[in-house]
Amino acid sequence: MIGTTGVLLNNQGGVNLILTITNDSFSPQVFEGELFFFDSSGNKVGAAHSVLSVPAQRFVGLQFDITGQVFYELQVSVSSTDVVVNTFSVNASGSIAAQRVLNTELSPISALTPIP
């Protein structure tokens, strides 16, 4: 499955983007994620790229700094529908900020956007 959060507005003081990645299968699965920021002209700029193997029946958490970013987008690719990816932005005190995107809310895309 390949999906995107779409462009998200960071208007509630989000400082960290938290990803929870759960592998419910009985074999390791591959997760690939790309984080993009948008400059003042609306251009998409690659900010982070992660590829990891998620062990069977395990949970992995990732965290990315989004401090000061007005707009951002996360794209993910997983090797199995048994892998669930949920996304939350949190503010400086650790509370969930304006946006959260659950696995079922990701919009399907044909491929991840290449990061130069």
C-alpha atoms as a PDB file:
ATOM      1  CA  MET A   1       0.000   0.000   0.000  1.00  0.00           C
ATOM      2  CA  ILE A   2       1.241   3.462  -0.909  1.00  0.00           C
ATOM      3  CA  GLY A   3      -0.530   6.464   0.560  1.00  0.00           C
ATOM      4  CA  THR A   4      -0.291  10.109   1.506  1.00  0.00           C
ATOM      5  CA  THR A   5      -1.678  12.307   4.234  1.00  0.00           C
ATOM      6  CA  GLY A   6      -2.092  15.020   1.642  1.00  0.00           C
ATOM      7  CA  VAL A   7      -0.931  18.518   2.508  1.00  0.00           C
ATOM      8  CA  LEU A   8      -1.561  19.240   6.194  1.00  0.00           C
ATOM      9  CA  LEU A   9      -1.740  22.669   7.821  1.00  0.00           C
ATOM     10  CA  ASN A  10       0.339  22.994  10.987  1.00  0.00           C
ATOM     11  CA  ASN A  11      -1.675  25.808  12.593  1.00  0.00           C
ATOM     12  CA  GLN A  12      -1.829  24.521  16.189  1.00  0.00           C
ATOM     13  CA  GLY A  13       1.846  24.746  17.101  1.00  0.00           C
ATOM     14  CA  GLY A  14       2.854  21.227  16.125  1.00  0.00           C
ATOM     15  CA  VAL A  15       6.538  20.631  16.833  1.00  0.00           C
ATOM     16  CA  ASN A  16       6.836  16.884  16.244  1.00  0.00           C
ATOM     17  CA  LEU A  17       5.250  14.474  13.814  1.00  0.00           C
ATOM     18  CA  ILE A  18       4.811  11.064  15.436  1.00  0.00           C
ATOM     19  CA  LEU A  19       4.352   7.912  13.353  1.00  0.00           C
ATOM     20  CA  THR A  20       3.142   4.700  14.915  1.00  0.00           C
ATOM     21  CA  ILE A  21       3.892   1.700  12.697  1.00  0.00           C
ATOM     22  CA  THR A  22       2.387  -1.631  13.720  1.00  0.00           C
ATOM     23  CA  ASN A  23       3.130  -4.905  11.953  1.00  0.00           C
ATOM     24  CA  ASP A  24       0.330  -7.377  12.628  1.00  0.00           C
ATOM     25  CA  SER A  25       1.737 -10.053  10.310  1.00  0.00           C
ATOM     26  CA  PHE A  26       3.855 -13.043  11.295  1.00  0.00           C
ATOM     27  CA  SER A  27       6.840 -11.952   9.186  1.00  0.00           C
ATOM     28  CA  PRO A  28       8.968  -8.790   9.018  1.00  0.00           C
ATOM     29  CA  GLN A  29       7.595  -6.085   6.730  1.00  0.00           C
ATOM     30  CA  VAL A  30       9.181  -3.052   5.074  1.00  0.00           C
ATOM     31  CA  PHE A  31       8.098   0.520   5.823  1.00  0.00           C
ATOM     32  CA  GLU A  32       9.232   3.500   3.754  1.00  0.00           C
ATOM     33  CA  GLY A  33       8.246   7.046   4.631  1.00  0.00           C
ATOM     34  CA  GLU A  34       8.957  10.442   3.147  1.00  0.00           C
ATOM     35  CA  LEU A  35       8.274  13.781   4.801  1.00  0.00           C
ATOM     36  CA  PHE A  36       7.892  16.938   2.740  1.00  0.00           C
ATOM     37  CA  PHE A  37       7.707  20.582   3.715  1.00  0.00           C
ATOM     38  CA  PHE A  38       6.411  23.359   1.459  1.00  0.00           C
ATOM     39  CA  ASP A  39       8.254  26.633   0.898  1.00  0.00           C
ATOM     40  CA  SER A  40       6.570  30.046   0.675  1.00  0.00           C
ATOM     41  CA  SER A  41       5.962  29.519  -3.062  1.00  0.00           C
ATOM     42  CA  GLY A  42       4.225  26.186  -2.463  1.00  0.00           C
ATOM     43  CA  ASN A  43       7.112  24.062  -3.737  1.00  0.00           C
ATOM     44  CA  LYS A  44       7.414  20.596  -2.199  1.00  0.00           C
ATOM     45  CA  VAL A  45      10.797  20.123  -0.478  1.00  0.00           C
ATOM     46  CA  GLY A  46      12.045  16.744   0.753  1.00  0.00           C
ATOM     47  CA  ALA A  47      12.724  16.889   4.506  1.00  0.00           C
ATOM     48  CA  ALA A  48      13.188  13.255   5.625  1.00  0.00           C
ATOM     49  CA  HIS A  49      13.293   9.732   4.213  1.00  0.00           C
ATOM     50  CA  SER A  50      13.178   6.543   6.303  1.00  0.00           C
ATOM     51  CA  VAL A  51      13.253   2.887   5.305  1.00  0.00           C
ATOM     52  CA  LEU A  52      13.087   0.201   7.953  1.00  0.00           C
ATOM     53  CA  SER A  53      12.130  -3.384   8.566  1.00  0.00           C
ATOM     54  CA  VAL A  54       9.347  -3.743  11.091  1.00  0.00           C
ATOM     55  CA  PRO A  55       9.635  -7.054  12.973  1.00  0.00           C
ATOM     56  CA  ALA A  56       6.683  -9.434  13.022  1.00  0.00           C
ATOM     57  CA  GLN A  57       4.022  -8.652  15.616  1.00  0.00           C
ATOM     58  CA  ARG A  58       5.859  -5.484  16.700  1.00  0.00           C
ATOM     59  CA  PHE A  59       5.373  -1.734  16.942  1.00  0.00           C
ATOM     60  CA  VAL A  60       7.884   0.916  15.870  1.00  0.00           C
ATOM     61  CA  GLY A  61       7.628   4.649  16.510  1.00  0.00           C
ATOM     62  CA  LEU A  62       9.264   7.431  14.503  1.00  0.00           C
ATOM     63  CA  GLN A  63       9.451  11.136  15.250  1.00  0.00           C
ATOM     64  CA  PHE A  64      10.201  14.068  12.926  1.00  0.00           C
ATOM     65  CA  ASP A  65      10.677  17.748  13.807  1.00  0.00           C
ATOM     66  CA  ILE A  66       8.063  19.977  12.126  1.00  0.00           C
ATOM     67  CA  THR A  67       8.715  23.095  14.225  1.00  0.00           C
ATOM     68  CA  GLY A  68       7.964  26.256  12.271  1.00  0.00           C
ATOM     69  CA  GLN A  69       6.586  24.453   9.214  1.00  0.00           C
ATOM     70  CA  VAL A  70       3.245  25.803   8.009  1.00  0.00           C
ATOM     71  CA  PHE A  71       2.464  22.934   5.626  1.00  0.00           C
ATOM     72  CA  TYR A  72       3.760  19.367   5.468  1.00  0.00           C
ATOM     73  CA  GLU A  73       2.934  16.023   3.865  1.00  0.00           C
ATOM     74  CA  LEU A  74       3.833  12.446   4.732  1.00  0.00           C
ATOM     75  CA  GLN A  75       3.944   9.718   2.092  1.00  0.00           C
ATOM     76  CA  VAL A  76       4.255   6.065   3.118  1.00  0.00           C
ATOM     77  CA  SER A  77       4.769   2.727   1.435  1.00  0.00           C
ATOM     78  CA  VAL A  78       4.345  -0.583   3.264  1.00  0.00           C
ATOM     79  CA  SER A  79       4.936  -4.108   1.988  1.00  0.00           C
ATOM     80  CA  SER A  80       1.743  -5.572   3.455  1.00  0.00           C
ATOM     81  CA  THR A  81      -1.780  -4.538   4.359  1.00  0.00           C
ATOM     82  CA  ASP A  82      -0.953  -5.974   7.798  1.00  0.00           C
ATOM     83  CA  VAL A  83       1.170  -2.887   8.486  1.00  0.00           C
ATOM     84  CA  VAL A  84      -0.784   0.008  10.026  1.00  0.00           C
ATOM     85  CA  VAL A  85       0.648   3.538   9.994  1.00  0.00           C
ATOM     86  CA  ASN A  86      -0.965   6.304  12.069  1.00  0.00           C
ATOM     87  CA  THR A  87       0.299   9.894  12.106  1.00  0.00           C
ATOM     88  CA  PHE A  88      -0.059  12.506  14.856  1.00  0.00           C
ATOM     89  CA  SER A  89       1.375  15.994  15.285  1.00  0.00           C
ATOM     90  CA  VAL A  90       2.072  17.035  18.860  1.00  0.00           C
ATOM     91  CA  ASN A  91       2.758  20.441  20.380  1.00  0.00           C
ATOM     92  CA  ALA A  92       5.567  21.387  22.756  1.00  0.00           C
ATOM     93  CA  SER A  93       3.685  20.026  25.777  1.00  0.00           C
ATOM     94  CA  GLY A  94       3.098  16.670  24.060  1.00  0.00           C
ATOM     95  CA  SER A  95      -0.610  17.109  23.366  1.00  0.00           C
ATOM     96  CA  ILE A  96      -2.000  16.154  19.978  1.00  0.00           C
ATOM     97  CA  ALA A  97      -2.055  19.300  17.850  1.00  0.00           C
ATOM     98  CA  ALA A  98      -4.435  20.027  14.985  1.00  0.00           C
ATOM     99  CA  GLN A  99      -3.846  17.047  12.751  1.00  0.00           C
ATOM    100  CA  ARG A 100      -3.884  13.320  12.990  1.00  0.00           C
ATOM    101  CA  VAL A 101      -4.211  10.921  10.084  1.00  0.00           C
ATOM    102  CA  LEU A 102      -5.133   7.323  10.722  1.00  0.00           C
ATOM    103  CA  ASN A 103      -4.132   4.500   8.386  1.00  0.00           C
ATOM    104  CA  THR A 104      -7.636   4.286   6.900  1.00  0.00           C
ATOM    105  CA  GLU A 105      -7.547   8.024   6.112  1.00  0.00           C
ATOM    106  CA  LEU A 106      -4.422   7.887   3.927  1.00  0.00           C
ATOM    107  CA  SER A 107      -5.166   8.704   0.287  1.00  0.00           C
ATOM    108  CA  PRO A 108      -3.803   6.136  -2.181  1.00  0.00           C
ATOM    109  CA  ILE A 109      -1.076   7.274  -4.591  1.00  0.00           C
ATOM    110  CA  SER A 110       0.690   5.351  -7.358  1.00  0.00           C
ATOM    111  CA  ALA A 111       4.256   5.935  -6.099  1.00  0.00           C
ATOM    112  CA  LEU A 112       6.277   7.865  -3.565  1.00  0.00           C
ATOM    113  CA  THR A 113       7.580  11.212  -4.775  1.00  0.00           C
ATOM    114  CA  PRO A 114      11.338  10.920  -5.396  1.00  0.00           C
ATOM    115  CA  ILE A 115      13.467  13.034  -3.072  1.00  0.00           C
ATOM    116  CA  PRO A 116      16.491  14.403  -4.983  1.00  0.00           C
END
